[in-house]
């Protein structure tokens, strides 16, 4: 009869170390992906800054794009400008009414117009956040596949 004794603890410790290293790598890559998404969303040409709600209350859309910390496996990129949703999702056609007793003022060419209401034709969606997130997610997936391959080969 042959007896063999195997001590599993070195292998278990090696796997735990590998798991910790991999988890740290995933967190690091997720942070990079979120930073990349912010940079891509800010760099887009789908909108111009300066088109805000009211004079004096403008919050530039590019400046409002920020990364929010989620969990260890989640990060969020958000635009907090009040009009960000309208740029991202577009708007339906709608009537714009002046405040009671007021008028709307706008200029076309060299002519200034005053009206109590106007019909806005709506805007098409300009999905700057969606596009940036999709591009960053593709990059993150490539990096995670590379990391998994490295771990499987014992390179990390």
Protein backbone atom coordinates (compact mmCIF):
# COMPACT_ATOMS: atom_id res chain seq x y z
CA UNK A 1 0.00 0.00 0.00
CA UNK A 2 1.22 3.45 -0.94
CA UNK A 3 0.27 6.46 1.09
CA UNK A 4 0.52 10.02 -0.13
CA UNK A 5 -0.11 13.13 1.91
CA UNK A 6 -0.85 16.41 0.21
CA UNK A 7 -0.76 19.74 1.98
CA UNK A 8 -3.34 21.94 0.19
CA UNK A 9 -2.51 25.13 2.09
CA UNK A 10 0.27 26.46 -0.17
CA UNK A 11 -2.05 26.11 -3.16
CA UNK A 12 -4.94 27.70 -1.26
CA UNK A 13 -2.72 30.64 -0.19
CA UNK A 14 -1.51 31.08 -3.78
CA UNK A 15 -5.11 31.15 -5.03
CA UNK A 16 -6.10 33.67 -2.36
CA UNK A 17 -3.17 35.90 -3.32
CA UNK A 18 -4.13 35.57 -6.99
CA UNK A 19 -7.74 36.51 -6.15
CA UNK A 20 -6.63 39.58 -4.17
CA UNK A 21 -4.28 40.69 -6.93
CA UNK A 22 -6.95 40.17 -9.57
CA UNK A 23 -9.61 42.03 -7.55
CA UNK A 24 -7.24 44.98 -7.08
CA UNK A 25 -6.54 44.96 -10.81
CA UNK A 26 -10.24 44.93 -11.65
CA UNK A 27 -10.88 47.88 -9.32
CA UNK A 28 -7.95 49.79 -10.83
CA UNK A 29 -9.14 49.11 -14.40
CA UNK A 30 -12.68 50.12 -13.50
CA UNK A 31 -11.40 53.45 -12.19
CA UNK A 32 -9.41 53.95 -15.39
CA UNK A 33 -12.48 53.13 -17.49
CA UNK A 34 -14.58 55.68 -15.57
CA UNK A 35 -11.86 58.32 -16.00
CA UNK A 36 -11.71 57.47 -19.69
CA UNK A 37 -15.50 57.80 -20.02
CA UNK A 38 -15.38 61.24 -18.37
CA UNK A 39 -12.61 62.33 -20.75
CA UNK A 40 -14.48 61.00 -23.79
CA UNK A 41 -17.77 62.63 -22.75
CA UNK A 42 -16.03 65.98 -22.16
CA UNK A 43 -14.19 65.76 -25.48
CA UNK A 44 -17.28 65.09 -27.59
CA UNK A 45 -18.43 67.45 -30.29
CA UNK A 46 -22.08 66.49 -29.91
CA UNK A 47 -22.80 69.73 -28.04
CA UNK A 48 -21.39 73.21 -27.50
CA UNK A 49 -20.95 74.68 -24.06
CA UNK A 50 -22.74 77.89 -23.22
CA UNK A 51 -26.20 76.67 -24.19
CA UNK A 52 -27.70 76.64 -20.74
CA UNK A 53 -31.06 77.37 -19.15
CA UNK A 54 -31.00 81.09 -18.30
CA UNK A 55 -28.40 83.80 -18.34
CA UNK A 56 -26.49 83.98 -15.10
CA UNK A 57 -27.58 80.46 -14.20
CA UNK A 58 -25.66 78.56 -16.84
CA UNK A 59 -23.76 75.53 -15.78
CA UNK A 60 -21.51 74.36 -18.53
CA UNK A 61 -22.32 70.82 -19.51
CA UNK A 62 -18.69 69.76 -20.02
CA UNK A 63 -17.71 70.94 -16.54
CA UNK A 64 -20.63 69.07 -14.99
CA UNK A 65 -19.47 65.66 -16.25
CA UNK A 66 -17.98 63.79 -13.31
CA UNK A 67 -17.17 60.35 -12.06
CA UNK A 68 -19.09 59.16 -9.03
CA UNK A 69 -17.72 56.41 -6.87
CA UNK A 70 -19.92 53.36 -6.76
CA UNK A 71 -18.98 50.05 -5.25
CA UNK A 72 -15.74 48.13 -5.79
CA UNK A 73 -17.20 46.85 -9.05
CA UNK A 74 -19.16 49.90 -10.17
CA UNK A 75 -18.44 53.49 -11.11
CA UNK A 76 -20.84 56.04 -12.54
CA UNK A 77 -20.27 58.91 -14.91
CA UNK A 78 -22.83 61.68 -14.64
CA UNK A 79 -23.54 65.10 -16.05
CA UNK A 80 -25.18 67.29 -13.40
CA UNK A 81 -25.99 70.35 -15.51
CA UNK A 82 -29.76 70.96 -15.45
CA UNK A 83 -30.00 70.64 -19.23
CA UNK A 84 -27.81 67.51 -19.57
CA UNK A 85 -30.80 65.17 -19.86
CA UNK A 86 -32.26 67.23 -22.71
CA UNK A 87 -28.99 67.04 -24.64
CA UNK A 88 -28.52 63.31 -23.94
CA UNK A 89 -32.10 62.22 -24.65
CA UNK A 90 -33.39 64.98 -26.93
CA UNK A 91 -36.74 66.73 -26.55
CA UNK A 92 -40.17 66.45 -28.15
CA UNK A 93 -41.68 69.33 -30.03
CA UNK A 94 -43.29 71.67 -27.50
CA UNK A 95 -44.65 75.14 -26.89
CA UNK A 96 -42.56 77.61 -24.92
CA UNK A 97 -44.61 80.21 -23.06
CA UNK A 98 -43.40 83.49 -21.59
CA UNK A 99 -43.89 84.08 -17.90
CA UNK A 100 -47.13 85.87 -17.00
CA UNK A 101 -46.93 89.48 -18.17
CA UNK A 102 -43.66 88.85 -20.04
CA UNK A 103 -42.46 88.15 -23.52
CA UNK A 104 -39.86 85.93 -25.14
CA UNK A 105 -37.08 87.70 -27.01
CA UNK A 106 -34.96 86.10 -29.72
CA UNK A 107 -32.91 87.24 -32.68
CA UNK A 108 -32.92 85.78 -36.18
CA UNK A 109 -30.31 87.36 -38.40
CA UNK A 110 -30.45 91.05 -37.54
CA UNK A 111 -34.10 91.10 -36.58
CA UNK A 112 -35.22 90.93 -32.94
CA UNK A 113 -38.57 89.27 -32.27
CA UNK A 114 -40.80 89.43 -29.19
CA UNK A 115 -43.49 86.78 -28.71
CA UNK A 116 -45.69 85.51 -25.90
CA UNK A 117 -45.14 81.93 -27.02
CA UNK A 118 -43.21 80.00 -29.65
CA UNK A 119 -43.28 76.45 -30.98
CA UNK A 120 -40.02 74.61 -30.42
CA UNK A 121 -39.53 71.79 -32.97
CA UNK A 122 -37.70 69.58 -30.46
CA UNK A 123 -34.14 68.29 -30.59
CA UNK A 124 -32.58 65.01 -31.60
CA UNK A 125 -30.78 63.01 -28.91
CA UNK A 126 -27.03 63.61 -28.69
CA UNK A 127 -26.00 60.64 -26.52
CA UNK A 128 -22.61 61.90 -25.38
CA UNK A 129 -22.68 59.89 -22.12
CA UNK A 130 -23.93 56.69 -23.75
CA UNK A 131 -21.27 56.87 -26.48
CA UNK A 132 -18.47 57.59 -23.99
CA UNK A 133 -19.59 54.78 -21.67
CA UNK A 134 -19.85 52.26 -24.52
CA UNK A 135 -16.36 53.06 -25.81
CA UNK A 136 -14.87 52.88 -22.32
CA UNK A 137 -16.70 49.63 -21.59
CA UNK A 138 -15.26 48.04 -24.74
CA UNK A 139 -11.77 49.06 -23.62
CA UNK A 140 -12.44 47.73 -20.10
CA UNK A 141 -13.59 44.37 -21.48
CA UNK A 142 -10.41 44.03 -23.55
CA UNK A 143 -8.27 44.85 -20.52
CA UNK A 144 -10.14 42.40 -18.26
CA UNK A 145 -9.75 39.61 -20.84
CA UNK A 146 -6.03 40.34 -20.96
CA UNK A 147 -5.85 40.26 -17.14
CA UNK A 148 -7.71 36.94 -17.00
CA UNK A 149 -5.30 35.49 -19.54
CA UNK A 150 -2.33 36.76 -17.52
CA UNK A 151 -3.70 35.22 -14.31
CA UNK A 152 -4.42 31.92 -16.07
CA UNK A 153 -0.84 31.84 -17.38
CA UNK A 154 0.52 32.82 -13.96
CA UNK A 155 1.95 36.15 -15.16
CA UNK A 156 0.29 38.22 -12.44
